[in-house]
């Protein structure tokens, strides 16, 4: 999932992983 998102979002690995972490924590992201 992270690698797939990084095809679109360049150079933001930490941000992408945090967004995925919020999904897996059953939360919501602003």
ModelCIF file with pLDDT and N, C-alpha, C, O atoms, coordinates in Angstrom:
data_MODEL
#
_entry.id   MODEL 
#
_entity.id                         1 
_entity.type                       polymer 
_entity.pdbx_number_of_molecules   1 
#
_entity_poly.entity_id                      1 
_entity_poly.type                           'polypeptide(L)' 
_entity_poly.nstd_linkage                   no 
_entity_poly.nstd_monomer                   no 
_entity_poly.pdbx_seq_one_letter_code       
;(UNK)(UNK)(UNK)(UNK)(UNK)(UNK)(UNK)(UNK)(UNK)(UNK)(UNK)(UNK)(UNK)(UNK)(UNK)(UNK)
(UNK)(UNK)(UNK)(UNK)(UNK)(UNK)(UNK)(UNK)(UNK)(UNK)(UNK)(UNK)(UNK)(UNK)
;
_entity_poly.pdbx_seq_one_letter_code_can   XXXXXXXXXXXXXXXXXXXXXXXXXXXXXX 
_entity_poly.pdbx_strand_id                 A 
#
loop_
_entity_poly_seq.entity_id 
_entity_poly_seq.num 
_entity_poly_seq.mon_id 
_entity_poly_seq.hetero 
1 1  UNK n 
1 2  UNK n 
1 3  UNK n 
1 4  UNK n 
1 5  UNK n 
1 6  UNK n 
1 7  UNK n 
1 8  UNK n 
1 9  UNK n 
1 10 UNK n 
1 11 UNK n 
1 12 UNK n 
1 13 UNK n 
1 14 UNK n 
1 15 UNK n 
1 16 UNK n 
1 17 UNK n 
1 18 UNK n 
1 19 UNK n 
1 20 UNK n 
1 21 UNK n 
1 22 UNK n 
1 23 UNK n 
1 24 UNK n 
1 25 UNK n 
1 26 UNK n 
1 27 UNK n 
1 28 UNK n 
1 29 UNK n 
1 30 UNK n 
#
_struct_asym.id          A 
_struct_asym.entity_id   1 
#
loop_
_ma_qa_metric.id 
_ma_qa_metric.mode 
_ma_qa_metric.name 
_ma_qa_metric.software_group_id 
_ma_qa_metric.type 
1 global pLDDT . pLDDT 
2 local  pLDDT . pLDDT 
#
_ma_qa_metric_global.metric_id      1 
_ma_qa_metric_global.metric_value   92.37 
_ma_qa_metric_global.model_id       1 
_ma_qa_metric_global.ordinal_id     1 
#
loop_
_ma_qa_metric_local.label_asym_id 
_ma_qa_metric_local.label_comp_id 
_ma_qa_metric_local.label_seq_id 
_ma_qa_metric_local.metric_id 
_ma_qa_metric_local.metric_value 
_ma_qa_metric_local.model_id 
_ma_qa_metric_local.ordinal_id 
A UNK 1  2 95.00 1 1  
A UNK 2  2 94.00 1 2  
A UNK 3  2 94.00 1 3  
A UNK 4  2 93.00 1 4  
A UNK 5  2 93.00 1 5  
A UNK 6  2 90.00 1 6  
A UNK 7  2 89.00 1 7  
A UNK 8  2 88.00 1 8  
A UNK 9  2 88.00 1 9  
A UNK 10 2 82.00 1 10 
A UNK 11 2 83.00 1 11 
A UNK 12 2 88.00 1 12 
A UNK 13 2 89.00 1 13 
A UNK 14 2 91.00 1 14 
A UNK 15 2 92.00 1 15 
A UNK 16 2 93.00 1 16 
A UNK 17 2 94.00 1 17 
A UNK 18 2 94.00 1 18 
A UNK 19 2 94.00 1 19 
A UNK 20 2 95.00 1 20 
A UNK 21 2 96.00 1 21 
A UNK 22 2 96.00 1 22 
A UNK 23 2 95.00 1 23 
A UNK 24 2 96.00 1 24 
A UNK 25 2 96.00 1 25 
A UNK 26 2 94.00 1 26 
A UNK 27 2 95.00 1 27 
A UNK 28 2 95.00 1 28 
A UNK 29 2 95.00 1 29 
A UNK 30 2 94.00 1 30 
#
loop_
_atom_site.group_PDB 
_atom_site.id 
_atom_site.type_symbol 
_atom_site.label_atom_id 
_atom_site.label_alt_id 
_atom_site.label_comp_id 
_atom_site.label_asym_id 
_atom_site.label_entity_id 
_atom_site.label_seq_id 
_atom_site.pdbx_PDB_ins_code 
_atom_site.Cartn_x 
_atom_site.Cartn_y 
_atom_site.Cartn_z 
_atom_site.occupancy 
_atom_site.B_iso_or_equiv 
_atom_site.pdbx_formal_charge 
_atom_site.auth_seq_id 
_atom_site.auth_comp_id 
_atom_site.auth_asym_id 
_atom_site.auth_atom_id 
_atom_site.pdbx_PDB_model_num 
ATOM 1   N N  . UNK A 1 1  ? 0.832   -1.206 0.000  1.00 95.00 ? 1  UNK A N  1 
ATOM 2   C CA . UNK A 1 1  ? 0.000   0.000  0.000  1.00 95.00 ? 1  UNK A CA 1 
ATOM 3   C C  . UNK A 1 1  ? 0.866   1.254  0.000  1.00 95.00 ? 1  UNK A C  1 
ATOM 4   O O  . UNK A 1 1  ? 0.600   2.195  -0.748 1.00 95.00 ? 1  UNK A O  1 
ATOM 5   N N  . UNK A 1 2  ? 1.904   1.270  0.840  1.00 94.00 ? 2  UNK A N  1 
ATOM 6   C CA . UNK A 1 2  ? 2.793   2.432  0.905  1.00 94.00 ? 2  UNK A CA 1 
ATOM 7   C C  . UNK A 1 2  ? 3.478   2.663  -0.433 1.00 94.00 ? 2  UNK A C  1 
ATOM 8   O O  . UNK A 1 2  ? 3.527   3.792  -0.920 1.00 94.00 ? 2  UNK A O  1 
ATOM 9   N N  . UNK A 1 3  ? 4.011   1.587  -1.036 1.00 94.00 ? 3  UNK A N  1 
ATOM 10  C CA . UNK A 1 3  ? 4.687   1.727  -2.325 1.00 94.00 ? 3  UNK A CA 1 
ATOM 11  C C  . UNK A 1 3  ? 3.734   2.192  -3.418 1.00 94.00 ? 3  UNK A C  1 
ATOM 12  O O  . UNK A 1 3  ? 4.124   2.943  -4.312 1.00 94.00 ? 3  UNK A O  1 
ATOM 13  N N  . UNK A 1 4  ? 2.498   1.749  -3.343 1.00 93.00 ? 4  UNK A N  1 
ATOM 14  C CA . UNK A 1 4  ? 1.515   2.156  -4.344 1.00 93.00 ? 4  UNK A CA 1 
ATOM 15  C C  . UNK A 1 4  ? 1.212   3.656  -4.243 1.00 93.00 ? 4  UNK A C  1 
ATOM 16  O O  . UNK A 1 4  ? 1.134   4.348  -5.258 1.00 93.00 ? 4  UNK A O  1 
ATOM 17  N N  . UNK A 1 5  ? 1.044   4.145  -3.018 1.00 93.00 ? 5  UNK A N  1 
ATOM 18  C CA . UNK A 1 5  ? 0.772   5.567  -2.829 1.00 93.00 ? 5  UNK A CA 1 
ATOM 19  C C  . UNK A 1 5  ? 1.965   6.406  -3.269 1.00 93.00 ? 5  UNK A C  1 
ATOM 20  O O  . UNK A 1 5  ? 1.789   7.499  -3.808 1.00 93.00 ? 5  UNK A O  1 
ATOM 21  N N  . UNK A 1 6  ? 3.174   5.905  -3.043 1.00 90.00 ? 6  UNK A N  1 
ATOM 22  C CA . UNK A 1 6  ? 4.370   6.670  -3.386 1.00 90.00 ? 6  UNK A CA 1 
ATOM 23  C C  . UNK A 1 6  ? 4.599   6.759  -4.886 1.00 90.00 ? 6  UNK A C  1 
ATOM 24  O O  . UNK A 1 6  ? 5.486   7.489  -5.328 1.00 90.00 ? 6  UNK A O  1 
ATOM 25  N N  . UNK A 1 7  ? 3.817   6.029  -5.681 1.00 89.00 ? 7  UNK A N  1 
ATOM 26  C CA . UNK A 1 7  ? 3.845   6.256  -7.122 1.00 89.00 ? 7  UNK A CA 1 
ATOM 27  C C  . UNK A 1 7  ? 3.257   7.612  -7.485 1.00 89.00 ? 7  UNK A C  1 
ATOM 28  O O  . UNK A 1 7  ? 3.528   8.162  -8.553 1.00 89.00 ? 7  UNK A O  1 
ATOM 29  N N  . UNK A 1 8  ? 2.439   8.143  -6.563 1.00 88.00 ? 8  UNK A N  1 
ATOM 30  C CA . UNK A 1 8  ? 1.773   9.431  -6.794 1.00 88.00 ? 8  UNK A CA 1 
ATOM 31  C C  . UNK A 1 8  ? 2.383   10.527 -5.939 1.00 88.00 ? 8  UNK A C  1 
ATOM 32  O O  . UNK A 1 8  ? 2.578   11.646 -6.413 1.00 88.00 ? 8  UNK A O  1 
ATOM 33  N N  . UNK A 1 9  ? 2.684   10.220 -4.685 1.00 88.00 ? 9  UNK A N  1 
ATOM 34  C CA . UNK A 1 9  ? 3.224   11.195 -3.739 1.00 88.00 ? 9  UNK A CA 1 
ATOM 35  C C  . UNK A 1 9  ? 4.733   10.983 -3.638 1.00 88.00 ? 9  UNK A C  1 
ATOM 36  O O  . UNK A 1 9  ? 5.189   9.958  -3.131 1.00 88.00 ? 9  UNK A O  1 
ATOM 37  N N  . UNK A 1 10 ? 5.497   11.946 -4.118 1.00 82.00 ? 10 UNK A N  1 
ATOM 38  C CA . UNK A 1 10 ? 6.951   11.817 -4.170 1.00 82.00 ? 10 UNK A CA 1 
ATOM 39  C C  . UNK A 1 10 ? 7.596   12.336 -2.884 1.00 82.00 ? 10 UNK A C  1 
ATOM 40  O O  . UNK A 1 10 ? 7.270   13.423 -2.408 1.00 82.00 ? 10 UNK A O  1 
ATOM 41  N N  . UNK A 1 11 ? 8.524   11.534 -2.325 1.00 83.00 ? 11 UNK A N  1 
ATOM 42  C CA . UNK A 1 11 ? 9.376   11.993 -1.235 1.00 83.00 ? 11 UNK A CA 1 
ATOM 43  C C  . UNK A 1 11 ? 8.674   12.265 0.077  1.00 83.00 ? 11 UNK A C  1 
ATOM 44  O O  . UNK A 1 11 ? 9.162   13.072 0.869  1.00 83.00 ? 11 UNK A O  1 
ATOM 45  N N  . UNK A 1 12 ? 7.545   11.621 0.341  1.00 88.00 ? 12 UNK A N  1 
ATOM 46  C CA . UNK A 1 12 ? 6.802   11.842 1.577  1.00 88.00 ? 12 UNK A CA 1 
ATOM 47  C C  . UNK A 1 12 ? 6.496   10.510 2.267  1.00 88.00 ? 12 UNK A C  1 
ATOM 48  O O  . UNK A 1 12 ? 5.356   10.248 2.650  1.00 88.00 ? 12 UNK A O  1 
ATOM 49  N N  . UNK A 1 13 ? 7.525   9.676  2.419  1.00 89.00 ? 13 UNK A N  1 
ATOM 50  C CA . UNK A 1 13 ? 7.311   8.345  2.978  1.00 89.00 ? 13 UNK A CA 1 
ATOM 51  C C  . UNK A 1 13 ? 6.738   8.405  4.390  1.00 89.00 ? 13 UNK A C  1 
ATOM 52  O O  . UNK A 1 13 ? 5.808   7.664  4.707  1.00 89.00 ? 13 UNK A O  1 
ATOM 53  N N  . UNK A 1 14 ? 7.278   9.273  5.239  1.00 91.00 ? 14 UNK A N  1 
ATOM 54  C CA . UNK A 1 14 ? 6.805   9.364  6.621  1.00 91.00 ? 14 UNK A CA 1 
ATOM 55  C C  . UNK A 1 14 ? 5.343   9.782  6.669  1.00 91.00 ? 14 UNK A C  1 
ATOM 56  O O  . UNK A 1 14 ? 4.573   9.248  7.468  1.00 91.00 ? 14 UNK A O  1 
ATOM 57  N N  . UNK A 1 15 ? 4.954   10.721 5.831  1.00 92.00 ? 15 UNK A N  1 
ATOM 58  C CA . UNK A 1 15 ? 3.569   11.182 5.797  1.00 92.00 ? 15 UNK A CA 1 
ATOM 59  C C  . UNK A 1 15 ? 2.642   10.073 5.306  1.00 92.00 ? 15 UNK A C  1 
ATOM 60  O O  . UNK A 1 15 ? 1.553   9.884  5.849  1.00 92.00 ? 15 UNK A O  1 
ATOM 61  N N  . UNK A 1 16 ? 3.070   9.345  4.288  1.00 93.00 ? 16 UNK A N  1 
ATOM 62  C CA . UNK A 1 16 ? 2.261   8.254  3.746  1.00 93.00 ? 16 UNK A CA 1 
ATOM 63  C C  . UNK A 1 16 ? 2.078   7.157  4.792  1.00 93.00 ? 16 UNK A C  1 
ATOM 64  O O  . UNK A 1 16 ? 0.979   6.626  4.953  1.00 93.00 ? 16 UNK A O  1 
ATOM 65  N N  . UNK A 1 17 ? 3.147   6.819  5.497  1.00 94.00 ? 17 UNK A N  1 
ATOM 66  C CA . UNK A 1 17 ? 3.054   5.762  6.514  1.00 94.00 ? 17 UNK A CA 1 
ATOM 67  C C  . UNK A 1 17 ? 2.155   6.193  7.672  1.00 94.00 ? 17 UNK A C  1 
ATOM 68  O O  . UNK A 1 17 ? 1.428   5.374  8.233  1.00 94.00 ? 17 UNK A O  1 
ATOM 69  N N  . UNK A 1 18 ? 2.203   7.478  8.029  1.00 94.00 ? 18 UNK A N  1 
ATOM 70  C CA . UNK A 1 18 ? 1.335   7.951  9.099  1.00 94.00 ? 18 UNK A CA 1 
ATOM 71  C C  . UNK A 1 18 ? -0.124  7.891  8.671  1.00 94.00 ? 18 UNK A C  1 
ATOM 72  O O  . UNK A 1 18 ? -0.988  7.528  9.469  1.00 94.00 ? 18 UNK A O  1 
ATOM 73  N N  . UNK A 1 19 ? -0.409  8.244  7.422  1.00 94.00 ? 19 UNK A N  1 
ATOM 74  C CA . UNK A 1 19 ? -1.785  8.159  6.920  1.00 94.00 ? 19 UNK A CA 1 
ATOM 75  C C  . UNK A 1 19 ? -2.290  6.721  6.968  1.00 94.00 ? 19 UNK A C  1 
ATOM 76  O O  . UNK A 1 19 ? -3.438  6.479  7.341  1.00 94.00 ? 19 UNK A O  1 
ATOM 77  N N  . UNK A 1 20 ? -1.441  5.765  6.593  1.00 95.00 ? 20 UNK A N  1 
ATOM 78  C CA . UNK A 1 20 ? -1.833  4.357  6.659  1.00 95.00 ? 20 UNK A CA 1 
ATOM 79  C C  . UNK A 1 20 ? -2.009  3.917  8.110  1.00 95.00 ? 20 UNK A C  1 
ATOM 80  O O  . UNK A 1 20 ? -2.915  3.142  8.418  1.00 95.00 ? 20 UNK A O  1 
ATOM 81  N N  . UNK A 1 21 ? -1.146  4.408  9.006  1.00 96.00 ? 21 UNK A N  1 
ATOM 82  C CA . UNK A 1 21 ? -1.267  4.058  10.422 1.00 96.00 ? 21 UNK A CA 1 
ATOM 83  C C  . UNK A 1 21 ? -2.597  4.522  10.993 1.00 96.00 ? 21 UNK A C  1 
ATOM 84  O O  . UNK A 1 21 ? -3.207  3.813  11.793 1.00 96.00 ? 21 UNK A O  1 
ATOM 85  N N  . UNK A 1 22 ? -3.056  5.700  10.594 1.00 96.00 ? 22 UNK A N  1 
ATOM 86  C CA . UNK A 1 22 ? -4.347  6.205  11.069 1.00 96.00 ? 22 UNK A CA 1 
ATOM 87  C C  . UNK A 1 22 ? -5.478  5.304  10.580 1.00 96.00 ? 22 UNK A C  1 
ATOM 88  O O  . UNK A 1 22 ? -6.418  5.032  11.326 1.00 96.00 ? 22 UNK A O  1 
ATOM 89  N N  . UNK A 1 23 ? -5.397  4.840  9.339  1.00 95.00 ? 23 UNK A N  1 
ATOM 90  C CA . UNK A 1 23 ? -6.409  3.920  8.820  1.00 95.00 ? 23 UNK A CA 1 
ATOM 91  C C  . UNK A 1 23 ? -6.439  2.633  9.637  1.00 95.00 ? 23 UNK A C  1 
ATOM 92  O O  . UNK A 1 23 ? -7.513  2.153  10.001 1.00 95.00 ? 23 UNK A O  1 
ATOM 93  N N  . UNK A 1 24 ? -5.265  2.074  9.927  1.00 96.00 ? 24 UNK A N  1 
ATOM 94  C CA . UNK A 1 24 ? -5.192  0.813  10.659 1.00 96.00 ? 24 UNK A CA 1 
ATOM 95  C C  . UNK A 1 24 ? -5.540  0.995  12.136 1.00 96.00 ? 24 UNK A C  1 
ATOM 96  O O  . UNK A 1 24 ? -5.883  0.027  12.815 1.00 96.00 ? 24 UNK A O  1 
ATOM 97  N N  . UNK A 1 25 ? -5.453  2.225  12.634 1.00 96.00 ? 25 UNK A N  1 
ATOM 98  C CA . UNK A 1 25 ? -5.862  2.518  14.011 1.00 96.00 ? 25 UNK A CA 1 
ATOM 99  C C  . UNK A 1 25 ? -7.345  2.825  14.099 1.00 96.00 ? 25 UNK A C  1 
ATOM 100 O O  . UNK A 1 25 ? -7.840  3.200  15.162 1.00 96.00 ? 25 UNK A O  1 
ATOM 101 N N  . UNK A 1 26 ? -8.060  2.670  12.988 1.00 94.00 ? 26 UNK A N  1 
ATOM 102 C CA . UNK A 1 26 ? -9.503  2.925  12.915 1.00 94.00 ? 26 UNK A CA 1 
ATOM 103 C C  . UNK A 1 26 ? -9.825  4.379  13.268 1.00 94.00 ? 26 UNK A C  1 
ATOM 104 O O  . UNK A 1 26 ? -10.798 4.671  13.963 1.00 94.00 ? 26 UNK A O  1 
ATOM 105 N N  . UNK A 1 27 ? -8.981  5.275  12.768 1.00 95.00 ? 27 UNK A N  1 
ATOM 106 C CA . UNK A 1 27 ? -9.161  6.690  13.045 1.00 95.00 ? 27 UNK A CA 1 
ATOM 107 C C  . UNK A 1 27 ? -9.485  7.473  11.790 1.00 95.00 ? 27 UNK A C  1 
ATOM 108 O O  . UNK A 1 27 ? -9.803  6.910  10.742 1.00 95.00 ? 27 UNK A O  1 
ATOM 109 N N  . UNK A 1 28 ? -9.397  8.786  11.922 1.00 95.00 ? 28 UNK A N  1 
ATOM 110 C CA . UNK A 1 28 ? -9.688  9.701  10.826 1.00 95.00 ? 28 UNK A CA 1 
ATOM 111 C C  . UNK A 1 28 ? -8.547  10.704 10.705 1.00 95.00 ? 28 UNK A C  1 
ATOM 112 O O  . UNK A 1 28 ? -7.871  11.010 11.687 1.00 95.00 ? 28 UNK A O  1 
ATOM 113 N N  . UNK A 1 29 ? -8.341  11.209 9.502  1.00 95.00 ? 29 UNK A N  1 
ATOM 114 C CA . UNK A 1 29 ? -7.159  12.010 9.204  1.00 95.00 ? 29 UNK A CA 1 
ATOM 115 C C  . UNK A 1 29 ? -7.563  13.388 8.700  1.00 95.00 ? 29 UNK A C  1 
ATOM 116 O O  . UNK A 1 29 ? -8.432  13.517 7.837  1.00 95.00 ? 29 UNK A O  1 
ATOM 117 N N  . UNK A 1 30 ? -6.923  14.411 9.247  1.00 94.00 ? 30 UNK A N  1 
ATOM 118 C CA . UNK A 1 30 ? -7.108  15.788 8.804  1.00 94.00 ? 30 UNK A CA 1 
ATOM 119 C C  . UNK A 1 30 ? -5.804  16.253 8.163  1.00 94.00 ? 30 UNK A C  1 
ATOM 120 O O  . UNK A 1 30 ? -5.712  17.393 7.708  1.00 94.00 ? 30 UNK A O  1 
#
